[in-house]
PDB file of N, CA and C in Angstrom:
ATOM      1  N   MET A   1     -34.297 -19.996  36.981  1.00  0.00           N
ATOM      2  CA  MET A   1     -33.065 -20.749  37.066  1.00  0.00           C
ATOM      3  C   MET A   1     -33.409 -22.218  37.317  1.00  0.00           C
ATOM      4  N   LYS A   2     -32.743 -23.105  36.589  1.00  0.00           N
ATOM      5  CA  LYS A   2     -32.909 -24.540  36.793  1.00  0.00           C
ATOM      6  C   LYS A   2     -31.728 -25.060  37.592  1.00  0.00           C
ATOM      7  N   LEU A   3     -32.002 -25.909  38.556  1.00  0.00           N
ATOM      8  CA  LEU A   3     -30.965 -26.511  39.387  1.00  0.00           C
ATOM      9  C   LEU A   3     -30.914 -28.007  39.145  1.00  0.00           C
ATOM     10  N   LYS A   4     -29.725 -28.558  39.134  1.00  0.00           N
ATOM     11  CA  LYS A   4     -29.553 -30.004  39.026  1.00  0.00           C
ATOM     12  C   LYS A   4     -29.878 -30.621  40.380  1.00  0.00           C
ATOM     13  N   VAL A   5     -30.709 -31.656  40.364  1.00  0.00           N
ATOM     14  CA  VAL A   5     -31.077 -32.388  41.568  1.00  0.00           C
ATOM     15  C   VAL A   5     -30.727 -33.855  41.336  1.00  0.00           C
ATOM     16  N   ILE A   6     -30.075 -34.470  42.299  1.00  0.00           N
ATOM     17  CA  ILE A   6     -29.731 -35.887  42.211  1.00  0.00           C
ATOM     18  C   ILE A   6     -30.600 -36.637  43.216  1.00  0.00           C
ATOM     19  N   VAL A   7     -31.389 -37.584  42.693  1.00  0.00           N
ATOM     20  CA  VAL A   7     -32.314 -38.364  43.523  1.00  0.00           C
ATOM     21  C   VAL A   7     -31.725 -39.748  43.754  1.00  0.00           C
ATOM     22  N   HIS A   8     -31.786 -40.195  45.008  1.00  0.00           N
ATOM     23  CA  HIS A   8     -31.259 -41.503  45.407  1.00  0.00           C
ATOM     24  C   HIS A   8     -32.358 -42.297  46.104  1.00  0.00           C
ATOM     25  N   PRO A   9     -32.400 -43.618  45.910  1.00  0.00           N
ATOM     26  CA  PRO A   9     -33.304 -44.425  46.734  1.00  0.00           C
ATOM     27  C   PRO A   9     -32.720 -44.511  48.145  1.00  0.00           C
ATOM     28  N   ALA A  10     -33.568 -44.408  49.141  1.00  0.00           N
ATOM     29  CA  ALA A  10     -33.119 -44.516  50.530  1.00  0.00           C
ATOM     30  C   ALA A  10     -33.129 -45.987  50.940  1.00  0.00           C
ATOM     31  N   GLN A  11     -32.144 -46.400  51.723  1.00  0.00           N
ATOM     32  CA  GLN A  11     -32.049 -47.797  52.159  1.00  0.00           C
ATOM     33  C   GLN A  11     -33.283 -48.249  52.929  1.00  0.00           C
ATOM     34  N   GLU A  12     -33.837 -47.355  53.720  1.00  0.00           N
ATOM     35  CA  GLU A  12     -34.988 -47.710  54.552  1.00  0.00           C
ATOM     36  C   GLU A  12     -36.316 -47.527  53.822  1.00  0.00           C
ATOM     37  N   GLY A  13     -36.263 -47.193  52.540  1.00  0.00           N
ATOM     38  CA  GLY A  13     -37.459 -46.939  51.738  1.00  0.00           C
ATOM     39  C   GLY A  13     -37.600 -45.461  51.456  1.00  0.00           C
ATOM     40  N   GLY A  14     -38.319 -45.135  50.426  1.00  0.00           N
ATOM     41  CA  GLY A  14     -38.469 -43.740  50.043  1.00  0.00           C
ATOM     42  C   GLY A  14     -37.264 -43.268  49.250  1.00  0.00           C
ATOM     43  N   PHE A  15     -37.069 -41.964  49.248  1.00  0.00           N
ATOM     44  CA  PHE A  15     -36.020 -41.349  48.446  1.00  0.00           C
ATOM     45  C   PHE A  15     -35.380 -40.206  49.212  1.00  0.00           C
ATOM     46  N   TRP A  16     -34.162 -39.862  48.805  1.00  0.00           N
ATOM     47  CA  TRP A  16     -33.538 -38.638  49.287  1.00  0.00           C
ATOM     48  C   TRP A  16     -32.891 -37.970  48.089  1.00  0.00           C
ATOM     49  N   ALA A  17     -32.722 -36.653  48.163  1.00  0.00           N
ATOM     50  CA  ALA A  17     -32.173 -35.905  47.040  1.00  0.00           C
ATOM     51  C   ALA A  17     -31.235 -34.830  47.545  1.00  0.00           C
ATOM     52  N   GLU A  18     -30.280 -34.491  46.678  1.00  0.00           N
ATOM     53  CA  GLU A  18     -29.328 -33.425  46.986  1.00  0.00           C
ATOM     54  C   GLU A  18     -29.271 -32.453  45.821  1.00  0.00           C
ATOM     55  N   VAL A  19     -28.902 -31.209  46.126  1.00  0.00           N
ATOM     56  CA  VAL A  19     -28.766 -30.156  45.125  1.00  0.00           C
ATOM     57  C   VAL A  19     -27.302 -29.730  45.139  1.00  0.00           C
ATOM     58  N   PRO A  20     -26.495 -30.227  44.186  1.00  0.00           N
ATOM     59  CA  PRO A  20     -25.055 -29.961  44.215  1.00  0.00           C
ATOM     60  C   PRO A  20     -24.679 -28.475  44.199  1.00  0.00           C
ATOM     61  N   ALA A  21     -25.488 -27.635  43.577  1.00  0.00           N
ATOM     62  CA  ALA A  21     -25.160 -26.212  43.481  1.00  0.00           C
ATOM     63  C   ALA A  21     -25.283 -25.483  44.812  1.00  0.00           C
ATOM     64  N   ILE A  22     -25.977 -26.089  45.773  1.00  0.00           N
ATOM     65  CA  ILE A  22     -26.176 -25.451  47.077  1.00  0.00           C
ATOM     66  C   ILE A  22     -25.607 -26.373  48.145  1.00  0.00           C
ATOM     67  N   GLN A  23     -24.452 -26.022  48.650  1.00  0.00           N
ATOM     68  CA  GLN A  23     -23.748 -26.853  49.627  1.00  0.00           C
ATOM     69  C   GLN A  23     -24.656 -27.219  50.798  1.00  0.00           C
ATOM     70  N   GLY A  24     -24.780 -28.521  51.061  1.00  0.00           N
ATOM     71  CA  GLY A  24     -25.550 -28.999  52.199  1.00  0.00           C
ATOM     72  C   GLY A  24     -27.051 -29.092  51.978  1.00  0.00           C
ATOM     73  N   CYS A  25     -27.528 -28.803  50.770  1.00  0.00           N
ATOM     74  CA  CYS A  25     -28.970 -28.829  50.512  1.00  0.00           C
ATOM     75  C   CYS A  25     -29.407 -30.239  50.130  1.00  0.00           C
ATOM     76  N   ALA A  26     -30.171 -30.863  51.003  1.00  0.00           N
ATOM     77  CA  ALA A  26     -30.677 -32.216  50.780  1.00  0.00           C
ATOM     78  C   ALA A  26     -31.995 -32.358  51.531  1.00  0.00           C
ATOM     79  N   THR A  27     -32.812 -33.298  51.084  1.00  0.00           N
ATOM     80  CA  THR A  27     -34.078 -33.580  51.747  1.00  0.00           C
ATOM     81  C   THR A  27     -34.497 -35.001  51.413  1.00  0.00           C
ATOM     82  N   GLN A  28     -35.628 -35.437  51.974  1.00  0.00           N
ATOM     83  CA  GLN A  28     -36.105 -36.798  51.737  1.00  0.00           C
ATOM     84  C   GLN A  28     -37.613 -36.797  51.617  1.00  0.00           C
ATOM     85  N   GLY A  29     -38.138 -37.930  51.135  1.00  0.00           N
ATOM     86  CA  GLY A  29     -39.581 -38.110  51.041  1.00  0.00           C
ATOM     87  C   GLY A  29     -39.907 -39.578  50.882  1.00  0.00           C
ATOM     88  N   GLU A  30     -41.072 -39.968  51.351  1.00  0.00           N
ATOM     89  CA  GLU A  30     -41.504 -41.362  51.224  1.00  0.00           C
ATOM     90  C   GLU A  30     -41.867 -41.710  49.780  1.00  0.00           C
ATOM     91  N   THR A  31     -42.367 -40.724  49.029  1.00  0.00           N
ATOM     92  CA  THR A  31     -42.720 -40.908  47.621  1.00  0.00           C
ATOM     93  C   THR A  31     -42.015 -39.832  46.804  1.00  0.00           C
ATOM     94  N   LEU A  32     -41.980 -40.012  45.483  1.00  0.00           N
ATOM     95  CA  LEU A  32     -41.373 -38.990  44.630  1.00  0.00           C
ATOM     96  C   LEU A  32     -42.159 -37.683  44.697  1.00  0.00           C
ATOM     97  N   GLU A  33     -43.471 -37.772  44.858  1.00  0.00           N
ATOM     98  CA  GLU A  33     -44.295 -36.571  44.972  1.00  0.00           C
ATOM     99  C   GLU A  33     -43.964 -35.809  46.253  1.00  0.00           C
ATOM    100  N   GLU A  34     -43.817 -36.528  47.356  1.00  0.00           N
ATOM    101  CA  GLU A  34     -43.450 -35.890  48.623  1.00  0.00           C
ATOM    102  C   GLU A  34     -42.042 -35.309  48.526  1.00  0.00           C
ATOM    103  N   LEU A  35     -41.147 -36.038  47.890  1.00  0.00           N
ATOM    104  CA  LEU A  35     -39.778 -35.552  47.714  1.00  0.00           C
ATOM    105  C   LEU A  35     -39.769 -34.250  46.922  1.00  0.00           C
ATOM    106  N   GLN A  36     -40.561 -34.183  45.856  1.00  0.00           N
ATOM    107  CA  GLN A  36     -40.614 -32.976  45.037  1.00  0.00           C
ATOM    108  C   GLN A  36     -41.095 -31.776  45.851  1.00  0.00           C
ATOM    109  N   ALA A  37     -42.128 -31.962  46.654  1.00  0.00           N
ATOM    110  CA  ALA A  37     -42.630 -30.878  47.499  1.00  0.00           C
ATOM    111  C   ALA A  37     -41.577 -30.463  48.523  1.00  0.00           C
ATOM    112  N   ASN A  38     -40.916 -31.440  49.133  1.00  0.00           N
ATOM    113  CA  ASN A  38     -39.875 -31.141  50.117  1.00  0.00           C
ATOM    114  C   ASN A  38     -38.687 -30.444  49.468  1.00  0.00           C
ATOM    115  N   LEU A  39     -38.384 -30.805  48.219  1.00  0.00           N
ATOM    116  CA  LEU A  39     -37.280 -30.158  47.506  1.00  0.00           C
ATOM    117  C   LEU A  39     -37.546 -28.675  47.300  1.00  0.00           C
ATOM    118  N   ARG A  40     -38.773 -28.337  46.950  1.00  0.00           N
ATOM    119  CA  ARG A  40     -39.106 -26.916  46.761  1.00  0.00           C
ATOM    120  C   ARG A  40     -38.817 -26.135  48.037  1.00  0.00           C
ATOM    121  N   ASP A  41     -39.273 -26.666  49.165  1.00  0.00           N
ATOM    122  CA  ASP A  41     -39.046 -25.992  50.447  1.00  0.00           C
ATOM    123  C   ASP A  41     -37.560 -25.931  50.789  1.00  0.00           C
ATOM    124  N   ALA A  42     -36.860 -27.046  50.591  1.00  0.00           N
ATOM    125  CA  ALA A  42     -35.436 -27.100  50.933  1.00  0.00           C
ATOM    126  C   ALA A  42     -34.621 -26.156  50.063  1.00  0.00           C
ATOM    127  N   ILE A  43     -34.906 -26.126  48.768  1.00  0.00           N
ATOM    128  CA  ILE A  43     -34.159 -25.252  47.861  1.00  0.00           C
ATOM    129  C   ILE A  43     -34.379 -23.796  48.231  1.00  0.00           C
ATOM    130  N   GLU A  44     -35.618 -23.434  48.525  1.00  0.00           N
ATOM    131  CA  GLU A  44     -35.905 -22.053  48.918  1.00  0.00           C
ATOM    132  C   GLU A  44     -35.130 -21.673  50.181  1.00  0.00           C
ATOM    133  N   ALA A  45     -35.172 -22.534  51.183  1.00  0.00           N
ATOM    134  CA  ALA A  45     -34.480 -22.248  52.444  1.00  0.00           C
ATOM    135  C   ALA A  45     -32.966 -22.256  52.268  1.00  0.00           C
ATOM    136  N   CYS A  46     -32.451 -23.259  51.582  1.00  0.00           N
ATOM    137  CA  CYS A  46     -31.001 -23.372  51.405  1.00  0.00           C
ATOM    138  C   CYS A  46     -30.450 -22.264  50.518  1.00  0.00           C
ATOM    139  N   ALA A  47     -31.180 -21.924  49.453  1.00  0.00           N
ATOM    140  CA  ALA A  47     -30.697 -20.893  48.532  1.00  0.00           C
ATOM    141  C   ALA A  47     -30.625 -19.540  49.220  1.00  0.00           C
ATOM    142  N   SER A  48     -31.605 -19.221  50.051  1.00  0.00           N
ATOM    143  CA  SER A  48     -31.556 -17.929  50.737  1.00  0.00           C
ATOM    144  C   SER A  48     -30.381 -17.889  51.705  1.00  0.00           C
ATOM    145  N   GLY A  49     -30.107 -18.997  52.370  1.00  0.00           N
ATOM    146  CA  GLY A  49     -28.945 -19.057  53.259  1.00  0.00           C
ATOM    147  C   GLY A  49     -27.644 -19.041  52.485  1.00  0.00           C
ATOM    148  N   ALA A  50     -27.597 -19.737  51.352  1.00  0.00           N
ATOM    149  CA  ALA A  50     -26.383 -19.782  50.533  1.00  0.00           C
ATOM    150  C   ALA A  50     -26.050 -18.405  49.980  1.00  0.00           C
ATOM    151  N   GLU A  51     -27.061 -17.660  49.560  1.00  0.00           N
ATOM    152  CA  GLU A  51     -26.820 -16.313  49.050  1.00  0.00           C
ATOM    153  C   GLU A  51     -26.254 -15.414  50.141  1.00  0.00           C
ATOM    154  N   ARG A  52     -26.775 -15.558  51.358  1.00  0.00           N
ATOM    155  CA  ARG A  52     -26.276 -14.738  52.471  1.00  0.00           C
ATOM    156  C   ARG A  52     -24.815 -15.015  52.759  1.00  0.00           C
ATOM    157  N   PHE A  53     -24.408 -16.281  52.617  1.00  0.00           N
ATOM    158  CA  PHE A  53     -23.036 -16.656  52.936  1.00  0.00           C
ATOM    159  C   PHE A  53     -22.181 -16.858  51.694  1.00  0.00           C
ATOM    160  N   ASN A  54     -22.705 -16.436  50.525  1.00  0.00           N
ATOM    161  CA  ASN A  54     -21.967 -16.480  49.260  1.00  0.00           C
ATOM    162  C   ASN A  54     -21.521 -17.899  48.914  1.00  0.00           C
ATOM    163  N   ARG A  55     -22.409 -18.895  49.085  1.00  0.00           N
ATOM    164  CA  ARG A  55     -22.066 -20.292  48.820  1.00  0.00           C
ATOM    165  C   ARG A  55     -22.868 -20.894  47.672  1.00  0.00           C
ATOM    166  N   LEU A  56     -23.563 -20.078  46.886  1.00  0.00           N
ATOM    167  CA  LEU A  56     -24.360 -20.587  45.777  1.00  0.00           C
ATOM    168  C   LEU A  56     -23.474 -20.725  44.553  1.00  0.00           C
ATOM    169  N   ASP A  57     -23.321 -21.952  44.057  1.00  0.00           N
ATOM    170  CA  ASP A  57     -22.498 -22.237  42.876  1.00  0.00           C
ATOM    171  C   ASP A  57     -23.402 -22.265  41.657  1.00  0.00           C
ATOM    172  N   THR A  58     -23.440 -21.177  40.905  1.00  0.00           N
ATOM    173  CA  THR A  58     -24.329 -21.091  39.749  1.00  0.00           C
ATOM    174  C   THR A  58     -23.723 -21.698  38.494  1.00  0.00           C
ATOM    175  N   SER A  59     -22.531 -22.253  38.559  1.00  0.00           N
ATOM    176  CA  SER A  59     -21.909 -22.830  37.365  1.00  0.00           C
ATOM    177  C   SER A  59     -22.664 -24.050  36.860  1.00  0.00           C
ATOM    178  N   SER A  60     -23.411 -24.745  37.720  1.00  0.00           N
ATOM    179  CA  SER A  60     -24.162 -25.919  37.276  1.00  0.00           C
ATOM    180  C   SER A  60     -25.637 -25.613  37.052  1.00  0.00           C
ATOM    181  N   CYS A  61     -26.016 -24.354  37.126  1.00  0.00           N
ATOM    182  CA  CYS A  61     -27.406 -23.949  36.918  1.00  0.00           C
ATOM    183  C   CYS A  61     -27.623 -23.565  35.458  1.00  0.00           C
ATOM    184  N   ASN A  62     -28.831 -23.818  34.968  1.00  0.00           N
ATOM    185  CA  ASN A  62     -29.185 -23.411  33.597  1.00  0.00           C
ATOM    186  C   ASN A  62     -30.098 -22.221  33.638  1.00  0.00           C
TER     187      ASN A  62
END
């Protein structure tokens, strides 16, 4: 499954990203590489919690 991720520059430097399909799933990183690694961890943790509480919106997933 592919998830849409929106990446934003952080005001204090670095980046932050959100995953619209998983309510409340967001993370940050100083570099894009760090952000990507943090996203993997965040998506895994958030998705397992979202499935438990029936909050995973698969309409935006490919």
